[in-house]
């Protein structure tokens, strides 16, 4: 799996490296795409049209699907839109003669906003009367959420703190953190409540990030069953420097600033696939390159050769085979 960072050309170079490795018969792939945040606005609007066209059964079915997804993911609709969705479901259920279903929907809306006062120009008097009848008087209760230190909390589609007070009823709590999958839970609260939300690493988010550590990228790749090739791009005054890492192998290459992605990819692959020579501490790499190979001084070669000096840091060569001091 090819991960390239550090330059606007990173995506194009990653594709080119993938193609170059595949042309050698190697298995290579790009990181998976990040799943977009859910957005249920269109589905909510479609359900509202069904209700306006006097099809409350279709409206109720669509709304229940939407709200089930929102409960599952904790996302898709912000706070006010969730209240609208629950009130519309209450109206659809009432139109179908399902008083219990209508009351349950109103209860969900009142849990989000216990002081709910819908616009009478938008909502009919029977719904407003039902809201007043179902409104619960009483003190708010504390809710404490424990999760990762770098996580942010959302309560019923709105930002929240780790310690908040809520109305009794059913709520949706969501936690998000960089490089991790969001976690959500539907919780029925009647008294002081503490919940814990554990977040799992999200390999796609890690691999798309510009600030993930190499160790985190390796862990993300292995979670997908892949060994990452990590390439960092550095734009110098007159060259593009390419530092590549694949497992324990480290390789370096240089190409011109305006090199095509395919040229950069060829340099990366050549450096990674060049043979390693482990030598002693007193070994001078220059005579080995000049005399120990078939190349004459100044000859142009097509690959980048990495020589590990003292079993440690590789000596680097640019795409033409010149030694990088």
Protein backbone atom coordinates (compact mmCIF):
# COMPACT_ATOMS: atom_id res chain seq x y z
CA UNK A 1 0.00 0.00 0.00
CA UNK A 2 1.48 3.30 -1.12
CA UNK A 3 1.30 6.38 1.13
CA UNK A 4 2.90 9.57 -0.22
CA UNK A 5 3.02 12.80 1.78
CA UNK A 6 4.44 16.29 1.75
CA UNK A 7 3.77 17.81 -1.67
CA UNK A 8 0.74 18.75 -3.81
CA UNK A 9 1.86 16.04 -6.26
CA UNK A 10 1.62 13.35 -3.58
CA UNK A 11 -1.57 11.75 -4.93
CA UNK A 12 -0.26 11.61 -8.51
CA UNK A 13 3.06 10.16 -7.34
CA UNK A 14 1.28 7.56 -5.18
CA UNK A 15 -0.68 6.39 -8.23
CA UNK A 16 2.49 6.28 -10.30
CA UNK A 17 4.36 4.26 -7.63
CA UNK A 18 1.45 1.83 -7.46
CA UNK A 19 1.52 1.41 -11.24
CA UNK A 20 5.30 0.97 -11.25
CA UNK A 21 5.18 -1.77 -8.62
CA UNK A 22 2.33 -3.54 -10.40
CA UNK A 23 4.32 -3.46 -13.64
CA UNK A 24 6.98 -5.47 -11.79
CA UNK A 25 4.37 -8.07 -10.89
CA UNK A 26 4.11 -6.92 -7.28
CA UNK A 27 0.92 -6.48 -5.35
CA UNK A 28 0.34 -2.79 -4.71
CA UNK A 29 -2.68 -0.71 -3.80
CA UNK A 30 -3.63 2.79 -2.74
CA UNK A 31 -5.10 3.62 0.68
CA UNK A 32 -8.87 3.15 0.92
CA UNK A 33 -11.03 6.27 0.66
CA UNK A 34 -12.42 7.88 3.80
CA UNK A 35 -16.11 7.21 4.30
CA UNK A 36 -18.00 10.52 4.14
CA UNK A 37 -19.94 11.77 7.12
CA UNK A 38 -23.57 10.67 6.89
CA UNK A 39 -26.03 13.27 5.60
CA UNK A 40 -29.72 12.51 5.91
CA UNK A 41 -31.12 15.88 4.80
CA UNK A 42 -32.27 14.65 1.39
CA UNK A 43 -33.97 11.61 2.90
CA UNK A 44 -35.71 13.84 5.44
CA UNK A 45 -36.93 16.16 2.68
CA UNK A 46 -38.24 13.17 0.71
CA UNK A 47 -40.20 11.98 3.76
CA UNK A 48 -41.65 15.45 4.23
CA UNK A 49 -42.84 15.45 0.60
CA UNK A 50 -44.55 12.11 1.17
CA UNK A 51 -46.40 13.56 4.15
CA UNK A 52 -47.44 16.66 2.21
CA UNK A 53 -48.79 14.41 -0.56
CA UNK A 54 -51.07 12.75 2.02
CA UNK A 55 -49.08 9.54 2.21
CA UNK A 56 -48.39 9.31 5.95
CA UNK A 57 -47.60 5.60 5.75
CA UNK A 58 -44.77 6.19 3.27
CA UNK A 59 -43.60 9.25 5.25
CA UNK A 60 -43.53 7.29 8.52
CA UNK A 61 -41.58 4.42 6.97
CA UNK A 62 -38.97 6.75 5.48
CA UNK A 63 -38.65 8.77 8.70
CA UNK A 64 -38.16 5.66 10.79
CA UNK A 65 -35.41 4.50 8.45
CA UNK A 66 -33.71 7.91 8.61
CA UNK A 67 -33.94 8.16 12.40
CA UNK A 68 -32.72 4.59 12.85
CA UNK A 69 -29.59 5.46 10.85
CA UNK A 70 -29.12 8.65 12.85
CA UNK A 71 -29.41 6.68 16.09
CA UNK A 72 -26.92 4.12 14.81
CA UNK A 73 -24.25 6.56 13.64
CA UNK A 74 -25.01 9.53 15.88
CA UNK A 75 -24.66 11.65 12.75
CA UNK A 76 -26.53 12.72 9.64
CA UNK A 77 -28.76 15.43 11.08
CA UNK A 78 -27.95 18.33 13.40
CA UNK A 79 -29.96 18.95 16.55
CA UNK A 80 -32.75 21.10 15.11
CA UNK A 81 -33.25 18.84 12.09
CA UNK A 82 -33.58 15.84 14.43
CA UNK A 83 -36.31 17.60 16.35
CA UNK A 84 -38.10 18.35 13.05
CA UNK A 85 -37.79 14.71 12.01
CA UNK A 86 -39.27 13.41 15.27
CA UNK A 87 -42.15 15.89 15.11
CA UNK A 88 -42.89 14.98 11.50
CA UNK A 89 -42.89 11.31 12.51
CA UNK A 90 -45.32 12.15 15.33
CA UNK A 91 -47.67 13.77 12.82
CA UNK A 92 -47.41 10.84 10.41
CA UNK A 93 -48.10 8.34 13.18
CA UNK A 94 -51.07 10.37 14.42
CA UNK A 95 -52.48 10.49 10.88
CA UNK A 96 -52.30 6.69 10.84
CA UNK A 97 -54.18 6.47 14.15
CA UNK A 98 -51.08 5.32 16.03
CA UNK A 99 -51.25 7.40 19.19
CA UNK A 100 -48.56 5.39 20.96
CA UNK A 101 -46.15 5.90 18.08
CA UNK A 102 -46.94 9.61 17.96
CA UNK A 103 -46.30 9.98 21.69
CA UNK A 104 -43.01 8.09 21.49
CA UNK A 105 -41.83 10.43 18.72
CA UNK A 106 -42.83 13.51 20.70
CA UNK A 107 -40.96 12.13 23.72
CA UNK A 108 -37.78 11.86 21.64
CA UNK A 109 -38.13 15.49 20.52
CA UNK A 110 -38.75 16.68 24.09
CA UNK A 111 -35.70 14.79 25.36
CA UNK A 112 -33.57 16.83 22.95
CA UNK A 113 -35.27 20.12 23.90
CA UNK A 114 -37.48 19.99 27.00
CA UNK A 115 -38.53 23.61 26.40
CA UNK A 116 -39.62 22.81 22.86
CA UNK A 117 -42.11 25.36 21.51
CA UNK A 118 -42.71 24.69 17.79
CA UNK A 119 -43.91 27.43 15.46
CA UNK A 120 -47.74 27.24 15.38
CA UNK A 121 -47.63 28.51 11.79
CA UNK A 122 -45.80 25.35 10.81
CA UNK A 123 -47.22 22.69 13.12
CA UNK A 124 -50.93 21.90 13.66
CA UNK A 125 -52.72 22.48 16.99
CA UNK A 126 -53.16 18.74 17.75
CA UNK A 127 -49.39 18.26 17.70
CA UNK A 128 -48.82 21.33 19.88
CA UNK A 129 -51.37 20.02 22.37
CA UNK A 130 -49.67 16.61 22.37
CA UNK A 131 -46.30 18.23 23.07
CA UNK A 132 -47.72 20.12 26.07
CA UNK A 133 -49.37 16.95 27.35
CA UNK A 134 -46.15 14.91 27.08
CA UNK A 135 -43.84 17.56 28.49
CA UNK A 136 -42.15 16.28 31.62
CA UNK A 137 -41.55 18.64 34.49
CA UNK A 138 -38.51 18.07 36.59
CA UNK A 139 -34.84 18.78 37.02
CA UNK A 140 -32.23 17.94 34.43
CA UNK A 141 -29.93 15.04 35.25
CA UNK A 142 -26.14 14.79 34.86
CA UNK A 143 -24.55 12.85 32.01
CA UNK A 144 -20.84 12.02 32.08
CA UNK A 145 -19.06 10.66 29.00
CA UNK A 146 -15.62 9.05 29.24
CA UNK A 147 -13.54 8.41 26.13
CA UNK A 148 -10.16 9.31 24.62
CA UNK A 149 -8.59 12.57 25.79
CA UNK A 150 -8.51 13.99 22.26
CA UNK A 151 -12.13 13.13 21.46
CA UNK A 152 -14.97 15.60 20.95
CA UNK A 153 -18.50 14.85 22.14
CA UNK A 154 -21.84 15.38 20.42
CA UNK A 155 -25.19 15.04 22.17
CA UNK A 156 -28.27 14.68 19.96
CA UNK A 157 -26.44 16.26 17.02
CA UNK A 158 -24.93 19.23 18.87
CA UNK A 159 -21.48 19.76 20.43
CA UNK A 160 -21.40 18.90 24.12
CA UNK A 161 -18.97 18.66 26.99
CA UNK A 162 -17.95 15.48 28.74
CA UNK A 163 -20.08 16.49 31.70
CA UNK A 164 -23.48 17.93 30.89
CA UNK A 165 -27.05 17.97 32.12
CA UNK A 166 -29.86 16.55 30.03
CA UNK A 167 -33.59 16.04 30.19
CA UNK A 168 -34.71 12.52 31.09
CA UNK A 169 -35.44 10.44 28.03
CA UNK A 170 -33.66 8.83 25.10
CA UNK A 171 -30.50 10.52 23.82
CA UNK A 172 -27.81 9.82 21.24
CA UNK A 173 -24.21 10.41 22.36
CA UNK A 174 -21.35 10.43 19.86
CA UNK A 175 -17.58 10.73 20.24
CA UNK A 176 -15.03 11.52 17.53
CA UNK A 177 -11.23 11.70 17.56
CA UNK A 178 -8.54 12.16 14.91
CA UNK A 179 -7.54 8.92 13.14
CA UNK A 180 -10.38 6.99 14.81
CA UNK A 181 -13.85 5.83 13.85
CA UNK A 182 -16.64 7.76 15.53
CA UNK A 183 -18.66 5.84 18.11
CA UNK A 184 -22.29 6.47 19.00
CA UNK A 185 -24.68 5.09 21.56
CA UNK A 186 -28.40 5.46 22.17
CA UNK A 187 -28.96 5.73 25.91
CA UNK A 188 -32.15 6.09 27.94
CA UNK A 189 -31.51 8.44 30.83
CA UNK A 190 -33.71 8.67 33.90
CA UNK A 191 -31.12 9.64 36.48
CA UNK A 192 -27.42 10.46 36.74
CA UNK A 193 -25.67 8.50 34.01
CA UNK A 194 -22.09 7.71 33.06
CA UNK A 195 -21.22 6.07 29.76
CA UNK A 196 -17.93 5.10 28.11
CA UNK A 197 -17.34 5.29 24.37
CA UNK A 198 -14.34 3.33 23.08
CA UNK A 199 -12.97 4.48 19.73
CA UNK A 200 -11.26 2.16 17.25
CA UNK A 201 -8.52 3.24 14.87
CA UNK A 202 -9.79 4.16 11.40
CA UNK A 203 -7.14 2.99 8.90
CA UNK A 204 -8.58 5.12 6.08
CA UNK A 205 -8.45 8.28 8.20
CA UNK A 206 -4.90 7.53 9.32
CA UNK A 207 -3.67 6.92 5.78
CA UNK A 208 -5.29 10.11 4.47
CA UNK A 209 -3.85 12.24 7.27
CA UNK A 210 -0.86 14.54 6.90
CA UNK A 211 0.06 14.35 10.57
CA UNK A 212 -0.10 10.63 11.37
CA UNK A 213 3.17 9.14 12.60
CA UNK A 214 4.95 6.41 10.63
CA UNK A 215 4.16 3.97 13.41
CA UNK A 216 0.45 4.78 13.22
CA UNK A 217 0.49 4.40 9.43
CA UNK A 218 2.17 1.00 9.72
CA UNK A 219 -0.43 -0.08 12.29
CA UNK A 220 -3.25 1.15 10.04
CA UNK A 221 -1.83 -0.68 7.04
CA UNK A 222 -1.41 -3.92 8.94
CA UNK A 223 -4.99 -3.61 10.20
CA UNK A 224 -5.94 -3.82 6.52
CA UNK A 225 -3.57 -6.73 5.95
CA UNK A 226 -1.13 -4.55 3.99
CA UNK A 227 2.48 -3.44 4.50
CA UNK A 228 2.72 0.29 3.79
CA UNK A 229 5.34 1.95 1.63
CA UNK A 230 5.68 5.45 3.13
CA UNK A 231 7.17 8.14 0.91
CA UNK A 232 7.91 11.65 2.18
CA UNK A 233 8.47 14.38 -0.42
CA UNK A 234 10.76 17.34 0.29
CA UNK A 235 11.06 20.17 -2.21
CA UNK A 236 14.56 21.64 -2.17
CA UNK A 237 15.73 24.63 -4.19
CA UNK A 238 16.65 22.60 -7.24
CA UNK A 239 15.29 19.08 -6.61
CA UNK A 240 12.50 16.98 -5.21
CA UNK A 241 13.85 14.68 -2.52
CA UNK A 242 12.08 11.36 -1.95
CA UNK A 243 12.52 9.47 1.32
CA UNK A 244 10.90 6.05 1.25
CA UNK A 245 10.37 3.44 3.95
CA UNK A 246 9.08 -0.09 3.54
CA UNK A 247 9.33 -2.18 6.70
CA UNK A 248 12.99 -2.02 7.79
CA UNK A 249 14.20 -0.84 4.38
CA UNK A 250 14.88 2.87 3.97
CA UNK A 251 15.73 4.40 0.61
CA UNK A 252 16.32 7.87 -0.76
CA UNK A 253 16.19 9.41 -4.21
CA UNK A 254 16.22 12.80 -5.90
CA UNK A 255 14.61 14.01 -9.09
CA UNK A 256 14.30 17.44 -10.64
CA UNK A 257 11.73 19.81 -9.20
CA UNK A 258 9.57 19.55 -12.30
CA UNK A 259 9.90 15.78 -12.79
CA UNK A 260 6.80 13.93 -13.91
CA UNK A 261 5.12 11.71 -11.30
CA UNK A 262 6.21 8.67 -13.31
CA UNK A 263 9.86 9.73 -13.06
CA UNK A 264 9.56 10.22 -9.31
CA UNK A 265 7.86 6.84 -9.03
CA UNK A 266 10.61 5.12 -11.02
CA UNK A 267 13.24 6.63 -8.71
CA UNK A 268 11.33 5.52 -5.58
CA UNK A 269 10.82 1.96 -6.81
CA UNK A 270 14.40 1.65 -8.04
CA UNK A 271 15.75 2.81 -4.69
CA UNK A 272 13.51 0.46 -2.72
CA UNK A 273 14.29 -2.54 -4.90
CA UNK A 274 18.03 -1.95 -5.25
CA UNK A 275 20.20 -4.62 -3.59
CA UNK A 276 21.50 -3.77 -0.15
CA UNK A 277 25.20 -4.30 0.62
CA UNK A 278 26.11 -4.66 4.30
CA UNK A 279 29.73 -3.64 4.86
CA UNK A 280 32.13 -2.90 7.69
CA UNK A 281 32.68 0.41 9.44
CA UNK A 282 35.91 1.09 7.52
CA UNK A 283 34.30 0.58 4.13
CA UNK A 284 34.44 3.48 1.68
CA UNK A 285 31.36 3.34 -0.57
CA UNK A 286 32.86 5.40 -3.40
CA UNK A 287 35.44 2.82 -4.65
CA UNK A 288 32.75 0.12 -4.42
CA UNK A 289 30.45 2.06 -6.69
CA UNK A 290 33.16 3.00 -9.14
CA UNK A 291 35.44 0.00 -9.09
CA UNK A 292 33.28 -2.77 -7.70
CA UNK A 293 30.58 -2.31 -10.29
CA UNK A 294 30.67 -2.21 -14.04
CA UNK A 295 29.94 1.50 -14.06
CA UNK A 296 32.56 4.08 -14.91
CA UNK A 297 32.81 7.40 -13.10
CA UNK A 298 30.06 9.76 -14.30
CA UNK A 299 28.07 7.03 -16.03
CA UNK A 300 24.34 7.48 -15.95
CA UNK A 301 22.40 4.68 -14.31
CA UNK A 302 18.65 4.12 -14.21
CA UNK A 303 18.36 2.98 -10.64
CA UNK A 304 19.09 4.38 -7.22
CA UNK A 305 21.47 2.20 -5.24
CA UNK A 306 21.35 2.28 -1.43
CA UNK A 307 24.47 1.20 0.45
CA UNK A 308 24.10 0.60 4.17
CA UNK A 309 27.23 1.82 5.88
CA UNK A 310 28.07 0.05 9.11
CA UNK A 311 24.75 -1.79 9.00
CA UNK A 312 22.97 1.49 9.75
CA UNK A 313 22.07 4.50 7.65
CA UNK A 314 21.86 4.08 3.86
CA UNK A 315 24.10 6.21 1.68
CA UNK A 316 21.87 7.83 -0.93
CA UNK A 317 22.19 8.40 -4.64
CA UNK A 318 20.09 10.51 -6.92
CA UNK A 319 18.24 9.23 -9.99
CA UNK A 320 21.42 9.54 -12.09
CA UNK A 321 23.57 7.57 -9.69
CA UNK A 322 25.54 10.41 -8.16
CA UNK A 323 26.43 10.08 -4.51
CA UNK A 324 24.43 12.27 -2.14
CA UNK A 325 26.73 13.41 0.62
